[in-house]
């Protein structure tokens, strides 16, 4: 199933977090926090101004981004857990 977000929404795949700390301690699954970093899978066409003019999105598919800890709605597409969020929930692009 292909999924294309509408308007100013983006589809994000979370990036897996580290298994160990900097000191070498292994982090158990139940103590891990959900990562706030991900990769943009697809992007909607953008928001619209009151005049109807389209505002192009600032992110594109393939960008690595940071987003808020509680941002987005979790969905399952083709057996993969993804997030749908507004572009404004994206805090920045990782260069």
C-alpha atoms as a PDB file:
ATOM      1  CA  UNK A   1       0.000   0.000   0.000  1.00  0.00           C
ATOM      2  CA  UNK A   2       1.438   3.370  -0.978  1.00  0.00           C
ATOM      3  CA  UNK A   3       0.736   6.303   1.342  1.00  0.00           C
ATOM      4  CA  UNK A   4       0.958   9.995   0.370  1.00  0.00           C
ATOM      5  CA  UNK A   5       0.425  12.561   3.160  1.00  0.00           C
ATOM      6  CA  UNK A   6      -1.905  15.477   2.462  1.00  0.00           C
ATOM      7  CA  UNK A   7      -1.279  19.207   2.820  1.00  0.00           C
ATOM      8  CA  UNK A   8       1.606  20.058   5.205  1.00  0.00           C
ATOM      9  CA  UNK A   9       1.999  16.586   6.711  1.00  0.00           C
ATOM     10  CA  UNK A  10       5.038  14.305   6.483  1.00  0.00           C
ATOM     11  CA  UNK A  11       5.520  10.546   6.893  1.00  0.00           C
ATOM     12  CA  UNK A  12       8.542   9.715   9.083  1.00  0.00           C
ATOM     13  CA  UNK A  13      10.410   6.461   9.826  1.00  0.00           C
ATOM     14  CA  UNK A  14      12.077   6.498  13.253  1.00  0.00           C
ATOM     15  CA  UNK A  15      15.820   5.861  13.367  1.00  0.00           C
ATOM     16  CA  UNK A  16      16.773   3.128  15.846  1.00  0.00           C
ATOM     17  CA  UNK A  17      18.530   4.323  19.005  1.00  0.00           C
ATOM     18  CA  UNK A  18      21.877   3.102  20.260  1.00  0.00           C
ATOM     19  CA  UNK A  19      22.058  -0.249  22.062  1.00  0.00           C
ATOM     20  CA  UNK A  20      24.914   0.880  24.341  1.00  0.00           C
ATOM     21  CA  UNK A  21      25.832   4.008  26.274  1.00  0.00           C
ATOM     22  CA  UNK A  22      29.083   5.893  25.653  1.00  0.00           C
ATOM     23  CA  UNK A  23      30.571   3.982  28.613  1.00  0.00           C
ATOM     24  CA  UNK A  24      29.671   0.610  27.071  1.00  0.00           C
ATOM     25  CA  UNK A  25      26.624  -0.279  29.184  1.00  0.00           C
ATOM     26  CA  UNK A  26      23.905  -2.157  27.308  1.00  0.00           C
ATOM     27  CA  UNK A  27      20.497  -0.466  27.484  1.00  0.00           C
ATOM     28  CA  UNK A  28      17.574  -2.919  27.921  1.00  0.00           C
ATOM     29  CA  UNK A  29      14.572  -2.483  25.587  1.00  0.00           C
ATOM     30  CA  UNK A  30      12.209  -1.450  28.385  1.00  0.00           C
ATOM     31  CA  UNK A  31      14.544   1.412  29.443  1.00  0.00           C
ATOM     32  CA  UNK A  32      15.010   2.870  25.939  1.00  0.00           C
ATOM     33  CA  UNK A  33      13.223   6.043  24.981  1.00  0.00           C
ATOM     34  CA  UNK A  34      11.631   6.294  21.569  1.00  0.00           C
ATOM     35  CA  UNK A  35      14.053   8.142  19.319  1.00  0.00           C
ATOM     36  CA  UNK A  36      13.178  11.695  18.294  1.00  0.00           C
ATOM     37  CA  UNK A  37      15.167  11.317  15.093  1.00  0.00           C
ATOM     38  CA  UNK A  38      13.892   9.940  11.826  1.00  0.00           C
ATOM     39  CA  UNK A  39      13.975   9.875   8.055  1.00  0.00           C
ATOM     40  CA  UNK A  40      11.311  11.519   5.918  1.00  0.00           C
ATOM     41  CA  UNK A  41       9.565   8.853   3.814  1.00  0.00           C
ATOM     42  CA  UNK A  42       7.149  11.116   1.939  1.00  0.00           C
ATOM     43  CA  UNK A  43       5.865  14.696   2.039  1.00  0.00           C
ATOM     44  CA  UNK A  44       2.514  16.316   1.216  1.00  0.00           C
ATOM     45  CA  UNK A  45       2.236  19.089  -1.363  1.00  0.00           C
ATOM     46  CA  UNK A  46       2.387  21.826   1.307  1.00  0.00           C
ATOM     47  CA  UNK A  47       0.130  24.212   3.163  1.00  0.00           C
ATOM     48  CA  UNK A  48      -1.972  26.924   1.542  1.00  0.00           C
ATOM     49  CA  UNK A  49      -2.102  30.622   2.331  1.00  0.00           C
ATOM     50  CA  UNK A  50      -5.465  32.347   2.791  1.00  0.00           C
ATOM     51  CA  UNK A  51      -5.159  33.490  -0.833  1.00  0.00           C
ATOM     52  CA  UNK A  52      -4.923  29.851  -1.947  1.00  0.00           C
ATOM     53  CA  UNK A  53      -1.246  30.085  -2.886  1.00  0.00           C
ATOM     54  CA  UNK A  54       0.729  26.915  -2.132  1.00  0.00           C
ATOM     55  CA  UNK A  55       3.572  27.086   0.429  1.00  0.00           C
ATOM     56  CA  UNK A  56       6.175  24.482  -0.584  1.00  0.00           C
ATOM     57  CA  UNK A  57       7.434  22.185   2.200  1.00  0.00           C
ATOM     58  CA  UNK A  58      10.930  22.775   3.641  1.00  0.00           C
ATOM     59  CA  UNK A  59      11.719  19.052   3.930  1.00  0.00           C
ATOM     60  CA  UNK A  60      11.869  16.352   1.288  1.00  0.00           C
ATOM     61  CA  UNK A  61      11.926  12.552   1.188  1.00  0.00           C
ATOM     62  CA  UNK A  62      15.235  11.167   2.458  1.00  0.00           C
ATOM     63  CA  UNK A  63      15.992  14.049   4.874  1.00  0.00           C
ATOM     64  CA  UNK A  64      17.085  13.049   8.405  1.00  0.00           C
ATOM     65  CA  UNK A  65      15.175  15.167  10.899  1.00  0.00           C
ATOM     66  CA  UNK A  66      14.665  15.793  14.610  1.00  0.00           C
ATOM     67  CA  UNK A  67      11.143  16.087  15.971  1.00  0.00           C
ATOM     68  CA  UNK A  68       9.438  16.564  19.311  1.00  0.00           C
ATOM     69  CA  UNK A  69       9.241  13.603  21.693  1.00  0.00           C
ATOM     70  CA  UNK A  70       5.430  13.415  21.563  1.00  0.00           C
ATOM     71  CA  UNK A  71       4.988  14.565  17.957  1.00  0.00           C
ATOM     72  CA  UNK A  72       2.908  12.783  15.376  1.00  0.00           C
ATOM     73  CA  UNK A  73       0.485   9.915  15.152  1.00  0.00           C
ATOM     74  CA  UNK A  74       1.809   6.362  14.968  1.00  0.00           C
ATOM     75  CA  UNK A  75       0.491   4.315  12.025  1.00  0.00           C
ATOM     76  CA  UNK A  76       1.372   0.959  10.488  1.00  0.00           C
ATOM     77  CA  UNK A  77       1.895   0.940   6.718  1.00  0.00           C
ATOM     78  CA  UNK A  78       2.815  -2.378   5.071  1.00  0.00           C
ATOM     79  CA  UNK A  79       3.751  -3.819   8.476  1.00  0.00           C
ATOM     80  CA  UNK A  80       6.151  -0.957   9.265  1.00  0.00           C
ATOM     81  CA  UNK A  81       5.520   1.473  12.124  1.00  0.00           C
ATOM     82  CA  UNK A  82       5.718   5.075  10.902  1.00  0.00           C
ATOM     83  CA  UNK A  83       4.713   8.532  12.146  1.00  0.00           C
ATOM     84  CA  UNK A  84       2.474  11.085  10.453  1.00  0.00           C
ATOM     85  CA  UNK A  85       3.077  14.635  11.662  1.00  0.00           C
ATOM     86  CA  UNK A  86       2.692  18.208  10.552  1.00  0.00           C
ATOM     87  CA  UNK A  87       5.769  19.762   9.017  1.00  0.00           C
ATOM     88  CA  UNK A  88       5.769  22.293  11.863  1.00  0.00           C
ATOM     89  CA  UNK A  89       6.442  19.418  14.317  1.00  0.00           C
ATOM     90  CA  UNK A  90       9.818  18.871  12.632  1.00  0.00           C
ATOM     91  CA  UNK A  91      12.431  20.771  14.648  1.00  0.00           C
ATOM     92  CA  UNK A  92      15.218  20.666  12.079  1.00  0.00           C
ATOM     93  CA  UNK A  93      17.116  18.797   9.382  1.00  0.00           C
ATOM     94  CA  UNK A  94      20.313  16.931  10.312  1.00  0.00           C
ATOM     95  CA  UNK A  95      22.999  17.812   7.792  1.00  0.00           C
END
